[in-house]
Amino acid sequence: MKIKEKEFEEILQELKSVADQLGASVRFEKGDFKGGYCIIHDKKVIVINKMTNVQKKVMILSTALKELGIDSIFITPRVREIIDEMAAIT
């Protein structure tokens, strides 16, 4: 799937809403890390380096959502395809 550069910000917002459906919060923090899924004080958290470009943020968030398991919730086919494709790249 070909994604235009300006679409990545919209996709990022859609992926954040998927994370909400799964009960995970998404945090953008500074630091020497790429990011990913973790559990902090019994809460699901996806941490992403805020200094990373938008395309990489989408890739990291997609991978984390795959780890959380997206099969049990409704996601539009387009968003599901984006998650599958982006998670395969990382």
Protein backbone atom coordinates (compact mmCIF):
# COMPACT_ATOMS: atom_id res chain seq x y z
CA MET A 1 0.00 0.00 0.00
CA LYS A 2 1.35 3.40 -0.96
CA ILE A 3 0.86 6.03 1.73
CA LYS A 4 1.40 9.71 1.01
CA GLU A 5 3.62 11.62 3.43
CA LYS A 6 0.82 13.96 4.52
CA GLU A 7 -1.44 10.99 5.39
CA PHE A 8 0.85 9.71 8.15
CA GLU A 9 -0.37 12.25 10.73
CA GLU A 10 -3.99 11.18 10.13
CA ILE A 11 -2.99 7.52 10.33
CA LEU A 12 -1.17 8.18 13.61
CA GLN A 13 -4.39 9.61 15.09
CA GLU A 14 -6.38 6.58 13.89
CA LEU A 15 -3.83 4.22 15.45
CA LYS A 16 -3.99 6.14 18.74
CA SER A 17 -7.76 5.58 18.81
CA VAL A 18 -7.18 1.84 18.23
CA ALA A 19 -4.83 1.88 21.23
CA ASP A 20 -7.62 3.51 23.27
CA GLN A 21 -10.00 0.72 22.24
CA LEU A 22 -7.44 -1.80 23.51
CA GLY A 23 -7.10 0.05 26.82
CA ALA A 24 -3.56 1.26 26.15
CA SER A 25 -2.33 4.81 26.53
CA VAL A 26 0.12 6.29 24.03
CA ARG A 27 2.88 8.53 25.35
CA PHE A 28 5.39 10.55 23.36
CA GLU A 29 8.55 11.08 25.40
CA LYS A 30 12.12 12.28 24.87
CA GLY A 31 14.98 9.89 25.39
CA ASP A 32 17.46 7.47 23.90
CA PHE A 33 15.00 4.80 22.74
CA LYS A 34 12.79 3.91 19.78
CA GLY A 35 9.67 2.94 21.66
CA GLY A 36 7.21 0.13 22.05
CA TYR A 37 4.65 -1.56 24.26
CA CYS A 38 5.15 -2.06 27.98
CA ILE A 39 3.22 -2.37 31.23
CA ILE A 40 3.68 0.30 33.90
CA HIS A 41 1.87 -0.15 37.23
CA ASP A 42 -0.58 -2.66 35.68
CA LYS A 43 -1.43 -0.26 32.82
CA LYS A 44 -0.78 -0.89 29.13
CA VAL A 45 1.44 1.87 27.76
CA ILE A 46 2.91 2.45 24.34
CA VAL A 47 5.87 4.80 24.56
CA ILE A 48 7.20 6.46 21.41
CA ASN A 49 10.19 8.75 21.08
CA LYS A 50 8.72 12.13 20.21
CA MET A 51 11.87 13.12 18.30
CA THR A 52 11.19 10.38 15.71
CA ASN A 53 9.59 11.26 12.36
CA VAL A 54 5.88 10.59 11.85
CA GLN A 55 6.40 7.57 9.57
CA LYS A 56 8.57 5.85 12.19
CA LYS A 57 6.00 6.69 14.91
CA VAL A 58 3.34 4.94 12.80
CA MET A 59 5.62 1.90 12.41
CA ILE A 60 6.35 1.68 16.16
CA LEU A 61 2.70 2.14 17.10
CA SER A 62 1.60 -0.48 14.54
CA THR A 63 4.07 -3.01 15.93
CA ALA A 64 2.90 -2.34 19.49
CA LEU A 65 -0.74 -2.75 18.48
CA LYS A 66 0.05 -6.10 16.87
CA GLU A 67 1.67 -7.16 20.16
CA LEU A 68 -1.44 -6.13 22.07
CA GLY A 69 -3.65 -8.14 19.70
CA ILE A 70 -6.04 -6.42 17.33
CA ASP A 71 -8.10 -9.47 16.36
CA SER A 72 -10.76 -9.00 19.05
CA ILE A 73 -11.84 -5.45 18.09
CA PHE A 74 -13.33 -3.85 15.00
CA ILE A 75 -10.86 -1.90 12.92
CA THR A 76 -11.54 -0.64 9.42
CA PRO A 77 -9.90 -2.82 6.77
CA ARG A 78 -7.64 0.06 5.68
CA VAL A 79 -6.30 0.62 9.21
CA ARG A 80 -5.88 -3.13 9.74
CA GLU A 81 -3.89 -3.33 6.48
CA ILE A 82 -1.71 -0.39 7.55
CA ILE A 83 -1.01 -2.05 10.92
CA ASP A 84 -0.11 -5.35 9.27
CA GLU A 85 2.11 -3.71 6.66
CA MET A 86 3.90 -1.32 9.02
CA ALA A 87 4.45 -3.98 11.69
CA ALA A 88 6.03 -6.24 9.06
CA ILE A 89 8.59 -3.55 8.17
CA THR A 90 10.02 -3.17 11.69
